[in-house]
Amino acid sequence: MSTVTKKELIDRIAESTQAKRVIVKRIIQSFLDEVIQELAQDNRLEFRDFGVFETRTRSSRIAQNPKTLERVQVPPKRSVKFKMGRLMRDKLAAPAPTAPNP
């Protein structure tokens, strides 16, 4: 398994669309900024066949330090939940392609 960076995605999109890399980079960054902005406002983002992003708030709780056994208050925390869409679920359910051995 390898890691794909934002830069690599920008390069791929620029190459496949014949658009300038600078323009693709600005569009991708603008898209990501909008996603962050909407999630910060507790809005739900739905991209058909891709998936749904929504925020969840975890309530405050009391936890315990395992070393000292001291009880500590953990504040409420917001996180992002992602639920796969149909197309992504179908693609991931298919067997992964194997890379040929050199």
PDB file of N, CA and C in Angstrom:
ATOM      1  N   MET A   1       0.858  -1.173   0.000  1.00  0.00           N
ATOM      2  CA  MET A   1       0.000   0.000   0.000  1.00  0.00           C
ATOM      3  C   MET A   1       0.897   1.227   0.000  1.00  0.00           C
ATOM      4  N   SER A   2       0.559   2.202  -0.823  1.00  0.00           N
ATOM      5  CA  SER A   2       1.349   3.421  -0.886  1.00  0.00           C
ATOM      6  C   SER A   2       0.488   4.622  -0.507  1.00  0.00           C
ATOM      7  N   THR A   3       1.164   5.720  -0.242  1.00  0.00           N
ATOM      8  CA  THR A   3       0.476   6.955   0.114  1.00  0.00           C
ATOM      9  C   THR A   3       0.464   7.887  -1.087  1.00  0.00           C
ATOM     10  N   VAL A   4      -0.685   8.448  -1.370  1.00  0.00           N
ATOM     11  CA  VAL A   4      -0.821   9.418  -2.452  1.00  0.00           C
ATOM     12  C   VAL A   4      -1.012  10.785  -1.812  1.00  0.00           C
ATOM     13  N   THR A   5      -0.192  11.732  -2.196  1.00  0.00           N
ATOM     14  CA  THR A   5      -0.271  13.072  -1.625  1.00  0.00           C
ATOM     15  C   THR A   5      -1.151  13.982  -2.474  1.00  0.00           C
ATOM     16  N   LYS A   6      -1.487  15.130  -1.900  1.00  0.00           N
ATOM     17  CA  LYS A   6      -2.283  16.115  -2.628  1.00  0.00           C
ATOM     18  C   LYS A   6      -1.541  16.544  -3.894  1.00  0.00           C
ATOM     19  N   LYS A   7      -0.238  16.725  -3.793  1.00  0.00           N
ATOM     20  CA  LYS A   7       0.584  17.124  -4.943  1.00  0.00           C
ATOM     21  C   LYS A   7       0.472  16.102  -6.070  1.00  0.00           C
ATOM     22  N   GLU A   8       0.536  14.815  -5.732  1.00  0.00           N
ATOM     23  CA  GLU A   8       0.426  13.768  -6.743  1.00  0.00           C
ATOM     24  C   GLU A   8      -0.951  13.771  -7.399  1.00  0.00           C
ATOM     25  N   LEU A   9      -1.993  13.982  -6.602  1.00  0.00           N
ATOM     26  CA  LEU A   9      -3.346  14.058  -7.174  1.00  0.00           C
ATOM     27  C   LEU A   9      -3.465  15.249  -8.118  1.00  0.00           C
ATOM     28  N   ILE A  10      -2.915  16.383  -7.712  1.00  0.00           N
ATOM     29  CA  ILE A  10      -2.950  17.578  -8.559  1.00  0.00           C
ATOM     30  C   ILE A  10      -2.243  17.304  -9.875  1.00  0.00           C
ATOM     31  N   ASP A  11      -1.077  16.670  -9.814  1.00  0.00           N
ATOM     32  CA  ASP A  11      -0.328  16.347 -11.033  1.00  0.00           C
ATOM     33  C   ASP A  11      -1.128  15.422 -11.945  1.00  0.00           C
ATOM     34  N   ARG A  12      -1.774  14.401 -11.369  1.00  0.00           N
ATOM     35  CA  ARG A  12      -2.578  13.468 -12.167  1.00  0.00           C
ATOM     36  C   ARG A  12      -3.743  14.173 -12.844  1.00  0.00           C
ATOM     37  N   ILE A  13      -4.455  14.995 -12.082  1.00  0.00           N
ATOM     38  CA  ILE A  13      -5.620  15.694 -12.632  1.00  0.00           C
ATOM     39  C   ILE A  13      -5.187  16.678 -13.710  1.00  0.00           C
ATOM     40  N   ALA A  14      -4.099  17.405 -13.466  1.00  0.00           N
ATOM     41  CA  ALA A  14      -3.605  18.360 -14.457  1.00  0.00           C
ATOM     42  C   ALA A  14      -3.223  17.640 -15.753  1.00  0.00           C
ATOM     43  N   GLU A  15      -2.597  16.484 -15.625  1.00  0.00           N
ATOM     44  CA  GLU A  15      -2.194  15.724 -16.806  1.00  0.00           C
ATOM     45  C   GLU A  15      -3.397  15.170 -17.562  1.00  0.00           C
ATOM     46  N   SER A  16      -4.361  14.613 -16.833  1.00  0.00           N
ATOM     47  CA  SER A  16      -5.510  13.998 -17.503  1.00  0.00           C
ATOM     48  C   SER A  16      -6.470  15.018 -18.100  1.00  0.00           C
ATOM     49  N   THR A  17      -6.514  16.228 -17.555  1.00  0.00           N
ATOM     50  CA  THR A  17      -7.428  17.251 -18.079  1.00  0.00           C
ATOM     51  C   THR A  17      -6.741  18.262 -18.975  1.00  0.00           C
ATOM     52  N   GLN A  18      -5.424  18.171 -19.076  1.00  0.00           N
ATOM     53  CA  GLN A  18      -4.630  19.127 -19.858  1.00  0.00           C
ATOM     54  C   GLN A  18      -4.762  20.552 -19.329  1.00  0.00           C
ATOM     55  N   ALA A  19      -5.126  20.691 -18.052  1.00  0.00           N
ATOM     56  CA  ALA A  19      -5.238  22.008 -17.420  1.00  0.00           C
ATOM     57  C   ALA A  19      -3.899  22.348 -16.769  1.00  0.00           C
ATOM     58  N   LYS A  20      -3.680  23.642 -16.567  1.00  0.00           N
ATOM     59  CA  LYS A  20      -2.438  24.048 -15.921  1.00  0.00           C
ATOM     60  C   LYS A  20      -2.446  23.599 -14.472  1.00  0.00           C
ATOM     61  N   ARG A  21      -1.290  23.155 -14.014  1.00  0.00           N
ATOM     62  CA  ARG A  21      -1.142  22.635 -12.652  1.00  0.00           C
ATOM     63  C   ARG A  21      -1.529  23.684 -11.613  1.00  0.00           C
ATOM     64  N   VAL A  22      -1.183  24.941 -11.848  1.00  0.00           N
ATOM     65  CA  VAL A  22      -1.482  26.020 -10.908  1.00  0.00           C
ATOM     66  C   VAL A  22      -2.992  26.175 -10.735  1.00  0.00           C
ATOM     67  N   ILE A  23      -3.724  26.072 -11.825  1.00  0.00           N
ATOM     68  CA  ILE A  23      -5.183  26.210 -11.774  1.00  0.00           C
ATOM     69  C   ILE A  23      -5.803  25.023 -11.035  1.00  0.00           C
ATOM     70  N   VAL A  24      -5.336  23.823 -11.346  1.00  0.00           N
ATOM     71  CA  VAL A  24      -5.851  22.622 -10.675  1.00  0.00           C
ATOM     72  C   VAL A  24      -5.564  22.706  -9.179  1.00  0.00           C
ATOM     73  N   LYS A  25      -4.369  23.150  -8.824  1.00  0.00           N
ATOM     74  CA  LYS A  25      -4.001  23.270  -7.414  1.00  0.00           C
ATOM     75  C   LYS A  25      -4.934  24.240  -6.696  1.00  0.00           C
ATOM     76  N   ARG A  26      -5.227  25.381  -7.334  1.00  0.00           N
ATOM     77  CA  ARG A  26      -6.111  26.379  -6.735  1.00  0.00           C
ATOM     78  C   ARG A  26      -7.526  25.822  -6.564  1.00  0.00           C
ATOM     79  N   ILE A  27      -7.999  25.072  -7.540  1.00  0.00           N
ATOM     80  CA  ILE A  27      -9.341  24.494  -7.470  1.00  0.00           C
ATOM     81  C   ILE A  27      -9.417  23.444  -6.364  1.00  0.00           C
ATOM     82  N   ILE A  28      -8.437  22.555  -6.315  1.00  0.00           N
ATOM     83  CA  ILE A  28      -8.425  21.512  -5.284  1.00  0.00           C
ATOM     84  C   ILE A  28      -8.361  22.134  -3.893  1.00  0.00           C
ATOM     85  N   GLN A  29      -7.492  23.125  -3.708  1.00  0.00           N
ATOM     86  CA  GLN A  29      -7.363  23.758  -2.400  1.00  0.00           C
ATOM     87  C   GLN A  29      -8.648  24.489  -2.022  1.00  0.00           C
ATOM     88  N   SER A  30      -9.273  25.129  -2.997  1.00  0.00           N
ATOM     89  CA  SER A  30     -10.535  25.816  -2.751  1.00  0.00           C
ATOM     90  C   SER A  30     -11.617  24.816  -2.340  1.00  0.00           C
ATOM     91  N   PHE A  31     -11.656  23.676  -3.003  1.00  0.00           N
ATOM     92  CA  PHE A  31     -12.615  22.618  -2.653  1.00  0.00           C
ATOM     93  C   PHE A  31     -12.395  22.144  -1.224  1.00  0.00           C
ATOM     94  N   LEU A  32     -11.146  21.855  -0.874  1.00  0.00           N
ATOM     95  CA  LEU A  32     -10.842  21.377   0.478  1.00  0.00           C
ATOM     96  C   LEU A  32     -11.179  22.433   1.526  1.00  0.00           C
ATOM     97  N   ASP A  33     -10.901  23.701   1.221  1.00  0.00           N
ATOM     98  CA  ASP A  33     -11.242  24.788   2.148  1.00  0.00           C
ATOM     99  C   ASP A  33     -12.746  24.860   2.375  1.00  0.00           C
ATOM    100  N   GLU A  34     -13.516  24.685   1.319  1.00  0.00           N
ATOM    101  CA  GLU A  34     -14.978  24.707   1.435  1.00  0.00           C
ATOM    102  C   GLU A  34     -15.494  23.529   2.258  1.00  0.00           C
ATOM    103  N   VAL A  35     -14.904  22.355   2.070  1.00  0.00           N
ATOM    104  CA  VAL A  35     -15.297  21.180   2.857  1.00  0.00           C
ATOM    105  C   VAL A  35     -15.051  21.457   4.336  1.00  0.00           C
ATOM    106  N   ILE A  36     -13.878  21.976   4.661  1.00  0.00           N
ATOM    107  CA  ILE A  36     -13.537  22.288   6.046  1.00  0.00           C
ATOM    108  C   ILE A  36     -14.496  23.332   6.612  1.00  0.00           C
ATOM    109  N   GLN A  37     -14.780  24.354   5.826  1.00  0.00           N
ATOM    110  CA  GLN A  37     -15.682  25.433   6.264  1.00  0.00           C
ATOM    111  C   GLN A  37     -17.071  24.886   6.587  1.00  0.00           C
ATOM    112  N   GLU A  38     -17.593  24.044   5.720  1.00  0.00           N
ATOM    113  CA  GLU A  38     -18.934  23.488   5.928  1.00  0.00           C
ATOM    114  C   GLU A  38     -18.969  22.568   7.150  1.00  0.00           C
ATOM    115  N   LEU A  39     -17.948  21.750   7.308  1.00  0.00           N
ATOM    116  CA  LEU A  39     -17.903  20.856   8.469  1.00  0.00           C
ATOM    117  C   LEU A  39     -17.741  21.646   9.761  1.00  0.00           C
ATOM    118  N   ALA A  40     -17.008  22.750   9.712  1.00  0.00           N
ATOM    119  CA  ALA A  40     -16.837  23.596  10.898  1.00  0.00           C
ATOM    120  C   ALA A  40     -18.170  24.197  11.326  1.00  0.00           C
ATOM    121  N   GLN A  41     -19.088  24.377  10.371  1.00  0.00           N
ATOM    122  CA  GLN A  41     -20.414  24.917  10.673  1.00  0.00           C
ATOM    123  C   GLN A  41     -21.425  23.808  10.964  1.00  0.00           C
ATOM    124  N   ASP A  42     -20.940  22.594  11.192  1.00  0.00           N
ATOM    125  CA  ASP A  42     -21.770  21.416  11.469  1.00  0.00           C
ATOM    126  C   ASP A  42     -22.705  21.050  10.326  1.00  0.00           C
ATOM    127  N   ASN A  43     -22.343  21.399   9.109  1.00  0.00           N
ATOM    128  CA  ASN A  43     -23.149  21.020   7.956  1.00  0.00           C
ATOM    129  C   ASN A  43     -22.736  19.639   7.477  1.00  0.00           C
ATOM    130  N   ARG A  44     -23.670  18.953   6.879  1.00  0.00           N
ATOM    131  CA  ARG A  44     -23.448  17.618   6.331  1.00  0.00           C
ATOM    132  C   ARG A  44     -23.100  17.777   4.854  1.00  0.00           C
ATOM    133  N   LEU A  45     -22.076  17.080   4.385  1.00  0.00           N
ATOM    134  CA  LEU A  45     -21.686  17.133   2.973  1.00  0.00           C
ATOM    135  C   LEU A  45     -21.967  15.789   2.330  1.00  0.00           C
ATOM    136  N   GLU A  46     -22.738  15.807   1.268  1.00  0.00           N
ATOM    137  CA  GLU A  46     -23.091  14.570   0.594  1.00  0.00           C
ATOM    138  C   GLU A  46     -22.638  14.635  -0.850  1.00  0.00           C
ATOM    139  N   PHE A  47     -21.802  13.667  -1.233  1.00  0.00           N
ATOM    140  CA  PHE A  47     -21.339  13.538  -2.610  1.00  0.00           C
ATOM    141  C   PHE A  47     -21.855  12.198  -3.119  1.00  0.00           C
ATOM    142  N   ARG A  48     -22.859  12.252  -3.973  1.00  0.00           N
ATOM    143  CA  ARG A  48     -23.511  11.033  -4.465  1.00  0.00           C
ATOM    144  C   ARG A  48     -22.480  10.024  -4.960  1.00  0.00           C
ATOM    145  N   ASP A  49     -22.689   8.769  -4.616  1.00  0.00           N
ATOM    146  CA  ASP A  49     -21.853   7.621  -4.970  1.00  0.00           C
ATOM    147  C   ASP A  49     -20.469   7.641  -4.321  1.00  0.00           C
ATOM    148  N   PHE A  50     -20.013   8.785  -3.810  1.00  0.00           N
ATOM    149  CA  PHE A  50     -18.710   8.863  -3.144  1.00  0.00           C
ATOM    150  C   PHE A  50     -18.867   8.640  -1.652  1.00  0.00           C
ATOM    151  N   GLY A  51     -19.671   9.501  -1.003  1.00  0.00           N
ATOM    152  CA  GLY A  51     -19.882   9.325   0.416  1.00  0.00           C
ATOM    153  C   GLY A  51     -20.423  10.566   1.090  1.00  0.00           C
ATOM    154  N   VAL A  52     -20.574  10.474   2.398  1.00  0.00           N
ATOM    155  CA  VAL A  52     -21.144  11.556   3.201  1.00  0.00           C
ATOM    156  C   VAL A  52     -20.188  11.883   4.345  1.00  0.00           C
ATOM    157  N   PHE A  53     -19.911  13.166   4.522  1.00  0.00           N
ATOM    158  CA  PHE A  53     -19.132  13.647   5.655  1.00  0.00           C
ATOM    159  C   PHE A  53     -20.079  14.353   6.602  1.00  0.00           C
ATOM    160  N   GLU A  54     -19.970  14.061   7.891  1.00  0.00           N
ATOM    161  CA  GLU A  54     -20.743  14.788   8.879  1.00  0.00           C
ATOM    162  C   GLU A  54     -19.966  14.821  10.189  1.00  0.00           C
ATOM    163  N   THR A  55     -20.267  15.837  10.994  1.00  0.00           N
ATOM    164  CA  THR A  55     -19.569  15.960  12.268  1.00  0.00           C
ATOM    165  C   THR A  55     -20.359  15.254  13.354  1.00  0.00           C
ATOM    166  N   ARG A  56     -19.641  14.740  14.313  1.00  0.00           N
ATOM    167  CA  ARG A  56     -20.229  14.112  15.482  1.00  0.00           C
ATOM    168  C   ARG A  56     -19.586  14.746  16.706  1.00  0.00           C
ATOM    169  N   THR A  57     -20.365  14.954  17.733  1.00  0.00           N
ATOM    170  CA  THR A  57     -19.830  15.507  18.974  1.00  0.00           C
ATOM    171  C   THR A  57     -19.840  14.411  20.029  1.00  0.00           C
ATOM    172  N   ARG A  58     -18.679  14.175  20.562  1.00  0.00           N
ATOM    173  CA  ARG A  58     -18.540  13.201  21.638  1.00  0.00           C
ATOM    174  C   ARG A  58     -18.682  13.953  22.951  1.00  0.00           C
ATOM    175  N   SER A  59     -19.541  13.494  23.812  1.00  0.00           N
ATOM    176  CA  SER A  59     -19.794  14.222  25.061  1.00  0.00           C
ATOM    177  C   SER A  59     -18.586  14.115  25.997  1.00  0.00           C
ATOM    178  N   SER A  60     -18.554  15.033  26.963  1.00  0.00           N
ATOM    179  CA  SER A  60     -17.455  15.007  27.921  1.00  0.00           C
ATOM    180  C   SER A  60     -17.583  13.755  28.784  1.00  0.00           C
ATOM    181  N   ARG A  61     -16.454  13.334  29.318  1.00  0.00           N
ATOM    182  CA  ARG A  61     -16.467  12.112  30.126  1.00  0.00           C
ATOM    183  C   ARG A  61     -15.328  12.158  31.126  1.00  0.00           C
ATOM    184  N   ILE A  62     -15.360  11.237  32.033  1.00  0.00           N
ATOM    185  CA  ILE A  62     -14.281  11.120  33.010  1.00  0.00           C
ATOM    186  C   ILE A  62     -13.462   9.886  32.632  1.00  0.00           C
ATOM    187  N   ALA A  63     -12.163  10.099  32.459  1.00  0.00           N
ATOM    188  CA  ALA A  63     -11.256   9.009  32.114  1.00  0.00           C
ATOM    189  C   ALA A  63     -10.292   8.795  33.267  1.00  0.00           C
ATOM    190  N   GLN A  64      -9.494   7.765  33.145  1.00  0.00           N
ATOM    191  CA  GLN A  64      -8.558   7.457  34.224  1.00  0.00           C
ATOM    192  C   GLN A  64      -7.169   7.235  33.645  1.00  0.00           C
ATOM    193  N   ASN A  65      -6.168   7.893  34.242  1.00  0.00           N
ATOM    194  CA  ASN A  65      -4.787   7.705  33.849  1.00  0.00           C
ATOM    195  C   ASN A  65      -4.364   6.310  34.328  1.00  0.00           C
ATOM    196  N   PRO A  66      -3.961   5.409  33.417  1.00  0.00           N
ATOM    197  CA  PRO A  66      -3.648   4.037  33.831  1.00  0.00           C
ATOM    198  C   PRO A  66      -2.418   3.929  34.743  1.00  0.00           C
ATOM    199  N   LYS A  67      -1.486   4.882  34.650  1.00  0.00           N
ATOM    200  CA  LYS A  67      -0.291   4.827  35.508  1.00  0.00           C
ATOM    201  C   LYS A  67      -0.595   5.271  36.932  1.00  0.00           C
ATOM    202  N   THR A  68      -1.247   6.421  37.051  1.00  0.00           N
ATOM    203  CA  THR A  68      -1.466   7.006  38.379  1.00  0.00           C
ATOM    204  C   THR A  68      -2.845   6.708  38.944  1.00  0.00           C
ATOM    205  N   LEU A  69      -3.720   6.174  38.109  1.00  0.00           N
ATOM    206  CA  LEU A  69      -5.121   5.909  38.462  1.00  0.00           C
ATOM    207  C   LEU A  69      -5.876   7.193  38.821  1.00  0.00           C
ATOM    208  N   GLU A  70      -5.318   8.317  38.415  1.00  0.00           N
ATOM    209  CA  GLU A  70      -5.957   9.616  38.661  1.00  0.00           C
ATOM    210  C   GLU A  70      -7.091   9.809  37.655  1.00  0.00           C
ATOM    211  N   ARG A  71      -8.205  10.284  38.139  1.00  0.00           N
ATOM    212  CA  ARG A  71      -9.345  10.557  37.266  1.00  0.00           C
ATOM    213  C   ARG A  71      -9.188  11.946  36.658  1.00  0.00           C
ATOM    214  N   VAL A  72      -9.456  12.049  35.359  1.00  0.00           N
ATOM    215  CA  VAL A  72      -9.341  13.332  34.658  1.00  0.00           C
ATOM    216  C   VAL A  72     -10.595  13.573  33.841  1.00  0.00           C
ATOM    217  N   GLN A  73     -10.971  14.822  33.728  1.00  0.00           N
ATOM    218  CA  GLN A  73     -12.133  15.205  32.937  1.00  0.00           C
ATOM    219  C   GLN A  73     -11.691  15.387  31.484  1.00  0.00           C
ATOM    220  N   VAL A  74     -12.336  14.683  30.569  1.00  0.00           N
ATOM    221  CA  VAL A  74     -12.056  14.811  29.141  1.00  0.00           C
ATOM    222  C   VAL A  74     -13.152  15.697  28.553  1.00  0.00           C
ATOM    223  N   PRO A  75     -12.770  16.806  27.917  1.00  0.00           N
ATOM    224  CA  PRO A  75     -13.780  17.726  27.382  1.00  0.00           C
ATOM    225  C   PRO A  75     -14.510  17.139  26.167  1.00  0.00           C
ATOM    226  N   PRO A  76     -15.656  17.719  25.808  1.00  0.00           N
ATOM    227  CA  PRO A  76     -16.353  17.249  24.602  1.00  0.00           C
ATOM    228  C   PRO A  76     -15.463  17.450  23.376  1.00  0.00           C
ATOM    229  N   LYS A  77     -15.653  16.617  22.384  1.00  0.00           N
ATOM    230  CA  LYS A  77     -14.783  16.650  21.208  1.00  0.00           C
ATOM    231  C   LYS A  77     -15.613  16.446  19.947  1.00  0.00           C
ATOM    232  N   ARG A  78     -15.325  17.240  18.926  1.00  0.00           N
ATOM    233  CA  ARG A  78     -15.987  17.057  17.632  1.00  0.00           C
ATOM    234  C   ARG A  78     -15.058  16.289  16.713  1.00  0.00           C
ATOM    235  N   SER A  79     -15.646  15.398  15.940  1.00  0.00           N
ATOM    236  CA  SER A  79     -14.870  14.651  14.958  1.00  0.00           C
ATOM    237  C   SER A  79     -15.699  14.520  13.686  1.00  0.00           C
ATOM    238  N   VAL A  80     -15.050  14.083  12.623  1.00  0.00           N
ATOM    239  CA  VAL A  80     -15.725  13.932  11.335  1.00  0.00           C
ATOM    240  C   VAL A  80     -15.949  12.448  11.081  1.00  0.00           C
ATOM    241  N   LYS A  81     -17.167  12.131  10.702  1.00  0.00           N
ATOM    242  CA  LYS A  81     -17.523  10.761  10.346  1.00  0.00           C
ATOM    243  C   LYS A  81     -17.700  10.715   8.837  1.00  0.00           C
ATOM    244  N   PHE A  82     -17.173   9.676   8.216  1.00  0.00           N
ATOM    245  CA  PHE A  82     -17.334   9.491   6.779  1.00  0.00           C
ATOM    246  C   PHE A  82     -18.041   8.176   6.532  1.00  0.00           C
ATOM    247  N   LYS A  83     -19.084   8.226   5.719  1.00  0.00           N
ATOM    248  CA  LYS A  83     -19.802   7.010   5.341  1.00  0.00           C
ATOM    249  C   LYS A  83     -19.658   6.836   3.837  1.00  0.00           C
ATOM    250  N   MET A  84     -19.154   5.697   3.414  1.00  0.00           N
ATOM    251  CA  MET A  84     -18.925   5.453   1.992  1.00  0.00           C
ATOM    252  C   MET A  84     -20.216   5.458   1.190  1.00  0.00           C
ATOM    253  N   GLY A  85     -20.109   5.930  -0.033  1.00  0.00           N
ATOM    254  CA  GLY A  85     -21.213   5.873  -0.968  1.00  0.00           C
ATOM    255  C   GLY A  85     -21.204   4.551  -1.722  1.00  0.00           C
ATOM    256  N   ARG A  86     -22.233   4.341  -2.508  1.00  0.00           N
ATOM    257  CA  ARG A  86     -22.402   3.077  -3.214  1.00  0.00           C
ATOM    258  C   ARG A  86     -21.246   2.749  -4.143  1.00  0.00           C
ATOM    259  N   LEU A  87     -20.821   3.700  -4.955  1.00  0.00           N
ATOM    260  CA  LEU A  87     -19.751   3.447  -5.923  1.00  0.00           C
ATOM    261  C   LEU A  87     -18.452   3.072  -5.217  1.00  0.00           C
ATOM    262  N   MET A  88     -18.104   3.799  -4.165  1.00  0.00           N
ATOM    263  CA  MET A  88     -16.880   3.493  -3.424  1.00  0.00           C
ATOM    264  C   MET A  88     -16.991   2.131  -2.748  1.00  0.00           C
ATOM    265  N   ARG A  89     -18.137   1.839  -2.167  1.00  0.00           N
ATOM    266  CA  ARG A  89     -18.337   0.555  -1.490  1.00  0.00           C
ATOM    267  C   ARG A  89     -18.168  -0.596  -2.487  1.00  0.00           C
ATOM    268  N   ASP A  90     -18.738  -0.431  -3.696  1.00  0.00           N
ATOM    269  CA  ASP A  90     -18.618  -1.472  -4.721  1.00  0.00           C
ATOM    270  C   ASP A  90     -17.167  -1.653  -5.170  1.00  0.00           C
ATOM    271  N   LYS A  91     -16.451  -0.541  -5.350  1.00  0.00           N
ATOM    272  CA  LYS A  91     -15.040  -0.612  -5.783  1.00  0.00           C
ATOM    273  C   LYS A  91     -14.182  -1.283  -4.722  1.00  0.00           C
ATOM    274  N   LEU A  92     -14.443  -0.973  -3.447  1.00  0.00           N
ATOM    275  CA  LEU A  92     -13.639  -1.556  -2.374  1.00  0.00           C
ATOM    276  C   LEU A  92     -13.997  -3.014  -2.112  1.00  0.00           C
ATOM    277  N   ALA A  93     -15.198  -3.417  -2.490  1.00  0.00           N
ATOM    278  CA  ALA A  93     -15.617  -4.802  -2.295  1.00  0.00           C
ATOM    279  C   ALA A  93     -14.961  -5.717  -3.330  1.00  0.00           C
ATOM    280  N   ALA A  94     -14.595  -5.163  -4.477  1.00  0.00           N
ATOM    281  CA  ALA A  94     -13.935  -5.949  -5.521  1.00  0.00           C
ATOM    282  C   ALA A  94     -12.528  -6.310  -5.066  1.00  0.00           C
ATOM    283  N   PRO A  95     -11.999  -7.420  -5.513  1.00  0.00           N
ATOM    284  CA  PRO A  95     -10.640  -7.797  -5.117  1.00  0.00           C
ATOM    285  C   PRO A  95      -9.630  -6.744  -5.574  1.00  0.00           C
ATOM    286  N   ALA A  96      -8.659  -6.480  -4.720  1.00  0.00           N
ATOM    287  CA  ALA A  96      -7.633  -5.472  -5.027  1.00  0.00           C
ATOM    288  C   ALA A  96      -6.738  -5.998  -6.145  1.00  0.00           C
ATOM    289  N   PRO A  97      -6.383  -5.102  -7.086  1.00  0.00           N
ATOM    290  CA  PRO A  97      -5.485  -5.548  -8.165  1.00  0.00           C
ATOM    291  C   PRO A  97      -4.096  -5.819  -7.582  1.00  0.00           C
ATOM    292  N   THR A  98      -3.471  -6.866  -8.068  1.00  0.00           N
ATOM    293  CA  THR A  98      -2.132  -7.205  -7.588  1.00  0.00           C
ATOM    294  C   THR A  98      -1.104  -6.629  -8.544  1.00  0.00           C
ATOM    295  N   ALA A  99      -0.053  -6.085  -7.964  1.00  0.00           N
ATOM    296  CA  ALA A  99       1.025  -5.510  -8.770  1.00  0.00           C
ATOM    297  C   ALA A  99       1.914  -6.651  -9.279  1.00  0.00           C
ATOM    298  N   PRO A 100       2.299  -6.586 -10.547  1.00  0.00           N
ATOM    299  CA  PRO A 100       3.173  -7.641 -11.076  1.00  0.00           C
ATOM    300  C   PRO A 100       4.555  -7.561 -10.426  1.00  0.00           C
ATOM    301  N   ASN A 101       5.126  -8.717 -10.140  1.00  0.00           N
ATOM    302  CA  ASN A 101       6.467  -8.749  -9.531  1.00  0.00           C
ATOM    303  C   ASN A 101       7.518  -8.567 -10.610  1.00  0.00           C
ATOM    304  N   PRO A 102       8.485  -7.678 -10.391  1.00  0.00           N
ATOM    305  CA  PRO A 102       9.516  -7.450 -11.422  1.00  0.00           C
ATOM    306  C   PRO A 102      10.489  -8.597 -11.525  1.00  0.00           C
TER     307      PRO A 102
END
